[in-house]
Amino acid sequence: TKHIIKNIQWTTAKNFTVEGGRQQIEELISTWDIHESWLHHSEFLEEEELKDSKRYHYRACWGIPTRRKPIPRATASVYFVIVISKFKPETAPVEVFYRLESSRLIRRPEQCQFREKWLKDIIENKIVCIERL
């Protein structure tokens, strides 16, 4: 059985705003199959001007707060980049990429379904590190 990759309809370059970009990242995250115990917040980090594009950087920070530990021992971040090409028409949709804080691998939402295990692995590795210190 082929797994269906969920994605959203991304805005056009012409209609892009920084806050709209953050809201669309939230919309994308809502399509991910992640247990409800995970909580996150997303934020805009910076705008980057390049020769061929403008890049808007965002971060979603994840954790699992509990009644006993309302502040998680460790968190996992997912970094997003929304790219607006200077060569494509303004009516073209923005391009979106993301990567995990522990990885240099860049993923595209339309090509790769997000896995909750990635967040668990980051947090487990951080806790192992903390305990070694």
N, C-alpha and C. Protein backbone atom coordinates (compact mmCIF):
# COMPACT_ATOMS: atom_id res chain seq x y z
N THR A 1 0.83 -1.19 0.00
CA THR A 1 0.00 0.00 0.00
C THR A 1 0.87 1.25 0.00
N LYS A 2 0.55 2.15 -0.87
CA LYS A 2 1.32 3.40 -0.98
C LYS A 2 0.84 4.38 0.08
N HIS A 3 1.80 4.97 0.79
CA HIS A 3 1.47 5.95 1.84
C HIS A 3 1.22 7.31 1.18
N ILE A 4 0.11 7.93 1.54
CA ILE A 4 -0.22 9.23 0.97
C ILE A 4 0.47 10.32 1.79
N ILE A 5 1.22 11.16 1.11
CA ILE A 5 1.90 12.28 1.75
C ILE A 5 0.94 13.46 1.79
N LYS A 6 0.67 13.94 3.00
CA LYS A 6 -0.25 15.08 3.15
C LYS A 6 0.53 16.37 2.99
N ASN A 7 -0.02 17.28 2.25
CA ASN A 7 0.58 18.60 2.08
C ASN A 7 -0.58 19.60 2.05
N ILE A 8 -0.25 20.87 1.99
CA ILE A 8 -1.29 21.89 1.93
C ILE A 8 -1.10 22.73 0.67
N GLN A 9 -2.08 23.55 0.38
CA GLN A 9 -1.99 24.49 -0.75
C GLN A 9 -1.22 25.71 -0.26
N TRP A 10 0.00 25.88 -0.74
CA TRP A 10 0.82 27.01 -0.28
C TRP A 10 0.44 28.29 -1.02
N THR A 11 0.57 29.40 -0.34
CA THR A 11 0.23 30.70 -0.90
C THR A 11 1.17 31.06 -2.06
N THR A 12 0.77 32.03 -2.83
CA THR A 12 1.63 32.52 -3.91
C THR A 12 2.63 33.53 -3.36
N ALA A 13 3.68 33.76 -4.10
CA ALA A 13 4.69 34.75 -3.70
C ALA A 13 4.04 36.11 -3.49
N LYS A 14 3.11 36.46 -4.37
CA LYS A 14 2.45 37.77 -4.32
C LYS A 14 1.67 37.96 -3.02
N ASN A 15 1.05 36.90 -2.52
CA ASN A 15 0.19 36.99 -1.34
C ASN A 15 0.90 36.64 -0.03
N PHE A 16 2.20 36.35 -0.09
CA PHE A 16 2.93 35.93 1.10
C PHE A 16 3.10 37.07 2.11
N THR A 17 2.90 36.75 3.39
CA THR A 17 3.26 37.63 4.50
C THR A 17 3.98 36.77 5.53
N VAL A 18 4.78 37.39 6.39
CA VAL A 18 5.52 36.65 7.42
C VAL A 18 4.56 35.89 8.33
N GLU A 19 3.51 36.56 8.81
CA GLU A 19 2.55 35.90 9.69
C GLU A 19 1.75 34.84 8.93
N GLY A 20 1.40 35.13 7.68
CA GLY A 20 0.70 34.13 6.85
C GLY A 20 1.56 32.89 6.66
N GLY A 21 2.86 33.08 6.51
CA GLY A 21 3.78 31.94 6.38
C GLY A 21 3.77 31.09 7.64
N ARG A 22 3.77 31.74 8.81
CA ARG A 22 3.73 31.00 10.08
C ARG A 22 2.41 30.22 10.20
N GLN A 23 1.31 30.86 9.79
CA GLN A 23 0.01 30.20 9.85
C GLN A 23 -0.04 29.00 8.90
N GLN A 24 0.60 29.12 7.75
CA GLN A 24 0.61 27.99 6.81
C GLN A 24 1.48 26.85 7.33
N ILE A 25 2.56 27.18 8.04
CA ILE A 25 3.37 26.14 8.68
C ILE A 25 2.51 25.41 9.73
N GLU A 26 1.73 26.18 10.49
CA GLU A 26 0.82 25.57 11.46
C GLU A 26 -0.19 24.65 10.75
N GLU A 27 -0.68 25.11 9.62
CA GLU A 27 -1.63 24.29 8.83
C GLU A 27 -0.96 23.00 8.38
N LEU A 28 0.29 23.08 7.92
CA LEU A 28 1.03 21.89 7.51
C LEU A 28 1.20 20.95 8.71
N ILE A 29 1.63 21.50 9.85
CA ILE A 29 1.85 20.69 11.05
C ILE A 29 0.56 19.96 11.44
N SER A 30 -0.59 20.60 11.24
CA SER A 30 -1.87 19.98 11.60
C SER A 30 -2.16 18.74 10.76
N THR A 31 -1.48 18.57 9.62
CA THR A 31 -1.68 17.38 8.78
C THR A 31 -0.77 16.23 9.23
N TRP A 32 0.20 16.51 10.10
CA TRP A 32 1.13 15.48 10.54
C TRP A 32 0.46 14.55 11.54
N ASP A 33 0.82 13.29 11.48
CA ASP A 33 0.26 12.27 12.37
C ASP A 33 1.11 12.22 13.64
N ILE A 34 0.80 13.12 14.58
CA ILE A 34 1.56 13.24 15.82
C ILE A 34 0.58 13.14 16.99
N HIS A 35 0.97 12.38 18.02
CA HIS A 35 0.10 12.18 19.18
C HIS A 35 -0.22 13.52 19.84
N GLU A 36 -1.42 13.62 20.38
CA GLU A 36 -1.88 14.89 20.97
C GLU A 36 -1.09 15.31 22.21
N SER A 37 -0.31 14.40 22.80
CA SER A 37 0.50 14.77 23.97
C SER A 37 1.65 15.72 23.60
N TRP A 38 2.01 15.73 22.33
CA TRP A 38 3.05 16.66 21.86
C TRP A 38 2.47 18.06 21.75
N LEU A 39 3.15 19.03 22.33
CA LEU A 39 2.75 20.43 22.15
C LEU A 39 3.90 21.16 21.47
N HIS A 40 3.57 22.23 20.76
CA HIS A 40 4.62 22.99 20.08
C HIS A 40 4.23 24.47 20.02
N HIS A 41 5.21 25.27 19.75
CA HIS A 41 4.94 26.66 19.38
C HIS A 41 5.82 26.97 18.18
N SER A 42 5.32 27.84 17.32
CA SER A 42 6.09 28.20 16.13
C SER A 42 6.39 29.69 16.17
N GLU A 43 7.50 30.05 15.56
CA GLU A 43 7.89 31.46 15.55
C GLU A 43 8.69 31.78 14.29
N PHE A 44 8.59 33.03 13.88
CA PHE A 44 9.39 33.55 12.78
C PHE A 44 10.76 33.90 13.34
N LEU A 45 11.82 33.52 12.62
CA LEU A 45 13.18 33.79 13.09
C LEU A 45 13.83 34.95 12.34
N GLU A 46 13.87 34.86 11.00
CA GLU A 46 14.54 35.92 10.24
C GLU A 46 14.20 35.85 8.76
N GLU A 47 14.45 36.97 8.10
CA GLU A 47 14.32 37.08 6.65
C GLU A 47 15.73 37.14 6.09
N GLU A 48 15.97 36.41 5.01
CA GLU A 48 17.30 36.36 4.40
C GLU A 48 17.18 36.74 2.93
N GLU A 49 17.94 37.73 2.53
CA GLU A 49 17.92 38.21 1.14
C GLU A 49 19.07 37.55 0.40
N LEU A 50 18.74 36.81 -0.66
CA LEU A 50 19.76 36.19 -1.50
C LEU A 50 19.64 36.75 -2.92
N LYS A 51 20.62 36.44 -3.75
CA LYS A 51 20.63 36.95 -5.11
C LYS A 51 19.40 36.49 -5.90
N ASP A 52 19.03 35.22 -5.72
CA ASP A 52 17.94 34.64 -6.52
C ASP A 52 16.62 34.49 -5.76
N SER A 53 16.62 34.75 -4.45
CA SER A 53 15.40 34.51 -3.67
C SER A 53 15.43 35.27 -2.34
N LYS A 54 14.25 35.30 -1.73
CA LYS A 54 14.12 35.74 -0.35
C LYS A 54 13.73 34.51 0.45
N ARG A 55 14.36 34.33 1.60
CA ARG A 55 14.07 33.17 2.43
C ARG A 55 13.58 33.62 3.80
N TYR A 56 12.51 33.00 4.24
CA TYR A 56 11.91 33.32 5.53
C TYR A 56 12.08 32.08 6.43
N HIS A 57 12.76 32.29 7.55
CA HIS A 57 13.10 31.18 8.45
C HIS A 57 12.17 31.16 9.65
N TYR A 58 11.70 29.96 9.98
CA TYR A 58 10.79 29.75 11.10
C TYR A 58 11.27 28.54 11.91
N ARG A 59 10.77 28.46 13.14
CA ARG A 59 11.07 27.31 13.98
C ARG A 59 9.82 26.86 14.69
N ALA A 60 9.62 25.55 14.76
CA ALA A 60 8.58 24.95 15.61
C ALA A 60 9.32 24.15 16.68
N CYS A 61 9.05 24.48 17.94
CA CYS A 61 9.72 23.84 19.07
C CYS A 61 8.72 22.88 19.73
N TRP A 62 9.10 21.60 19.87
CA TRP A 62 8.21 20.54 20.33
C TRP A 62 8.63 19.99 21.68
N GLY A 63 7.66 19.59 22.47
CA GLY A 63 7.92 18.92 23.74
C GLY A 63 6.67 18.19 24.21
N ILE A 64 6.86 17.37 25.25
CA ILE A 64 5.73 16.65 25.83
C ILE A 64 5.66 17.03 27.31
N PRO A 65 4.93 18.10 27.63
CA PRO A 65 4.76 18.43 29.04
C PRO A 65 3.81 17.43 29.71
N THR A 66 4.05 17.17 30.99
CA THR A 66 3.17 16.29 31.74
C THR A 66 2.76 17.01 33.02
N ARG A 67 1.83 16.43 33.74
CA ARG A 67 1.40 17.04 35.01
C ARG A 67 2.58 17.10 35.98
N ARG A 68 3.40 16.05 36.01
CA ARG A 68 4.55 16.01 36.91
C ARG A 68 5.70 16.89 36.44
N LYS A 69 5.85 16.99 35.12
CA LYS A 69 6.93 17.81 34.55
C LYS A 69 6.33 18.73 33.49
N PRO A 70 5.73 19.85 33.93
CA PRO A 70 5.10 20.76 32.96
C PRO A 70 6.12 21.41 32.03
N ILE A 71 7.37 21.47 32.47
CA ILE A 71 8.44 21.94 31.58
C ILE A 71 9.24 20.71 31.17
N PRO A 72 9.18 20.34 29.91
CA PRO A 72 9.87 19.11 29.47
C PRO A 72 11.37 19.19 29.71
N ARG A 73 11.99 18.04 29.98
CA ARG A 73 13.44 17.99 30.18
C ARG A 73 14.19 18.38 28.92
N ALA A 74 13.60 18.09 27.77
CA ALA A 74 14.24 18.41 26.49
C ALA A 74 13.17 18.72 25.47
N THR A 75 13.54 19.49 24.46
CA THR A 75 12.64 19.82 23.36
C THR A 75 13.31 19.47 22.04
N ALA A 76 12.52 19.44 20.99
CA ALA A 76 13.03 19.16 19.64
C ALA A 76 12.52 20.26 18.72
N SER A 77 13.41 20.81 17.91
CA SER A 77 13.02 21.88 16.99
C SER A 77 13.01 21.39 15.55
N VAL A 78 12.03 21.90 14.81
CA VAL A 78 11.97 21.68 13.36
C VAL A 78 12.09 23.07 12.74
N TYR A 79 13.04 23.22 11.83
CA TYR A 79 13.29 24.51 11.18
C TYR A 79 12.71 24.50 9.78
N PHE A 80 11.95 25.54 9.47
CA PHE A 80 11.30 25.68 8.17
C PHE A 80 11.90 26.86 7.43
N VAL A 81 11.95 26.74 6.10
CA VAL A 81 12.33 27.86 5.24
C VAL A 81 11.27 27.98 4.16
N ILE A 82 10.73 29.18 4.02
CA ILE A 82 9.81 29.48 2.92
C ILE A 82 10.60 30.34 1.94
N VAL A 83 10.67 29.87 0.69
CA VAL A 83 11.50 30.52 -0.32
C VAL A 83 10.60 31.19 -1.37
N ILE A 84 10.90 32.46 -1.63
CA ILE A 84 10.23 33.19 -2.70
C ILE A 84 11.28 33.49 -3.76
N SER A 85 11.09 32.87 -4.90
CA SER A 85 12.04 33.03 -6.01
C SER A 85 11.90 34.43 -6.62
N LYS A 86 13.04 34.99 -7.03
CA LYS A 86 13.02 36.29 -7.72
C LYS A 86 12.86 36.10 -9.23
N PHE A 87 12.85 34.84 -9.68
CA PHE A 87 12.76 34.56 -11.12
C PHE A 87 11.43 33.97 -11.54
N LYS A 88 10.72 33.36 -10.61
CA LYS A 88 9.42 32.77 -10.93
C LYS A 88 8.36 33.86 -10.88
N PRO A 89 7.24 33.65 -11.58
CA PRO A 89 6.16 34.65 -11.53
C PRO A 89 5.60 34.78 -10.11
N GLU A 90 5.08 35.97 -9.80
CA GLU A 90 4.50 36.22 -8.47
C GLU A 90 3.31 35.32 -8.16
N THR A 91 2.74 34.73 -9.21
CA THR A 91 1.58 33.86 -9.02
C THR A 91 1.99 32.43 -8.69
N ALA A 92 3.28 32.14 -8.74
CA ALA A 92 3.78 30.79 -8.41
C ALA A 92 3.74 30.60 -6.89
N PRO A 93 3.43 29.38 -6.44
CA PRO A 93 3.42 29.15 -4.99
C PRO A 93 4.84 29.23 -4.41
N VAL A 94 4.92 29.60 -3.13
CA VAL A 94 6.21 29.63 -2.45
C VAL A 94 6.72 28.19 -2.34
N GLU A 95 8.03 28.05 -2.15
CA GLU A 95 8.61 26.72 -1.92
C GLU A 95 8.88 26.59 -0.43
N VAL A 96 8.71 25.39 0.10
CA VAL A 96 8.88 25.16 1.54
C VAL A 96 9.79 23.97 1.76
N PHE A 97 10.71 24.15 2.71
CA PHE A 97 11.64 23.10 3.10
C PHE A 97 11.66 23.05 4.62
N TYR A 98 12.01 21.89 5.17
CA TYR A 98 12.22 21.82 6.62
C TYR A 98 13.34 20.84 6.94
N ARG A 99 13.92 21.04 8.13
CA ARG A 99 14.92 20.10 8.61
C ARG A 99 14.80 20.00 10.13
N LEU A 100 15.26 18.90 10.65
CA LEU A 100 15.26 18.68 12.10
C LEU A 100 16.53 19.27 12.68
N GLU A 101 16.45 19.70 13.94
CA GLU A 101 17.61 20.36 14.55
C GLU A 101 18.85 19.47 14.57
N SER A 102 18.68 18.16 14.59
CA SER A 102 19.81 17.25 14.71
C SER A 102 20.33 16.76 13.35
N SER A 103 19.81 17.33 12.28
CA SER A 103 20.09 16.80 10.95
C SER A 103 20.38 17.91 9.96
N ARG A 104 21.20 17.57 8.96
CA ARG A 104 21.43 18.52 7.88
C ARG A 104 20.58 18.17 6.66
N LEU A 105 19.85 17.06 6.75
CA LEU A 105 19.00 16.62 5.65
C LEU A 105 17.82 17.58 5.50
N ILE A 106 17.66 18.12 4.31
CA ILE A 106 16.56 19.07 4.03
C ILE A 106 15.44 18.30 3.34
N ARG A 107 14.25 18.45 3.88
CA ARG A 107 13.08 17.73 3.36
C ARG A 107 12.08 18.72 2.77
N ARG A 108 11.28 18.21 1.83
CA ARG A 108 10.18 18.99 1.25
C ARG A 108 8.88 18.33 1.69
N PRO A 109 7.90 19.12 2.16
CA PRO A 109 6.65 18.52 2.66
C PRO A 109 5.94 17.64 1.65
N GLU A 110 6.04 17.98 0.37
CA GLU A 110 5.31 17.19 -0.64
C GLU A 110 6.02 15.89 -1.00
N GLN A 111 7.25 15.72 -0.53
CA GLN A 111 8.01 14.52 -0.88
C GLN A 111 8.25 13.57 0.28
N CYS A 112 7.96 14.02 1.50
CA CYS A 112 8.32 13.22 2.67
C CYS A 112 7.31 13.44 3.78
N GLN A 113 6.69 12.37 4.25
CA GLN A 113 5.72 12.49 5.36
C GLN A 113 6.49 12.59 6.68
N PHE A 114 6.13 13.57 7.50
CA PHE A 114 6.78 13.78 8.78
C PHE A 114 6.51 12.59 9.70
N ARG A 115 7.51 12.21 10.51
CA ARG A 115 7.36 11.09 11.44
C ARG A 115 7.60 11.55 12.88
N GLU A 116 6.67 11.19 13.75
CA GLU A 116 6.78 11.52 15.17
C GLU A 116 8.07 10.95 15.77
N LYS A 117 8.51 9.81 15.25
CA LYS A 117 9.72 9.16 15.74
C LYS A 117 10.93 10.10 15.68
N TRP A 118 10.96 10.98 14.70
CA TRP A 118 12.10 11.92 14.58
C TRP A 118 12.18 12.82 15.81
N LEU A 119 11.04 13.30 16.28
CA LEU A 119 11.01 14.14 17.47
C LEU A 119 11.45 13.34 18.70
N LYS A 120 10.92 12.12 18.82
CA LYS A 120 11.28 11.24 19.95
C LYS A 120 12.79 10.99 19.98
N ASP A 121 13.37 10.73 18.82
CA ASP A 121 14.81 10.43 18.74
C ASP A 121 15.65 11.63 19.21
N ILE A 122 15.27 12.84 18.79
CA ILE A 122 16.01 14.04 19.19
C ILE A 122 15.96 14.18 20.72
N ILE A 123 14.77 14.05 21.28
CA ILE A 123 14.61 14.23 22.73
C ILE A 123 15.33 13.13 23.50
N GLU A 124 15.21 11.89 23.05
CA GLU A 124 15.91 10.78 23.73
C GLU A 124 17.42 11.00 23.71
N ASN A 125 17.96 11.44 22.57
CA ASN A 125 19.40 11.71 22.48
C ASN A 125 19.81 12.84 23.41
N LYS A 126 19.00 13.88 23.51
CA LYS A 126 19.33 15.00 24.42
C LYS A 126 19.31 14.54 25.88
N ILE A 127 18.33 13.72 26.24
CA ILE A 127 18.23 13.25 27.63
C ILE A 127 19.43 12.36 27.97
N VAL A 128 19.84 11.51 27.03
CA VAL A 128 21.03 10.68 27.24
C VAL A 128 22.25 11.57 27.48
N CYS A 129 22.38 12.62 26.69
CA CYS A 129 23.50 13.57 26.85
C CYS A 129 23.45 14.25 28.21
N ILE A 130 22.26 14.73 28.59
CA ILE A 130 22.10 15.42 29.87
C ILE A 130 22.50 14.49 31.02
N GLU A 131 22.08 13.24 30.94
CA GLU A 131 22.36 12.28 32.02
C GLU A 131 23.85 11.94 32.08
N ARG A 132 24.54 11.99 30.96
CA ARG A 132 25.99 11.74 30.96
C ARG A 132 26.75 12.88 31.64
N LEU A 133 26.22 14.10 31.53
CA LEU A 133 26.86 15.24 32.17
C LEU A 133 26.61 15.20 33.65
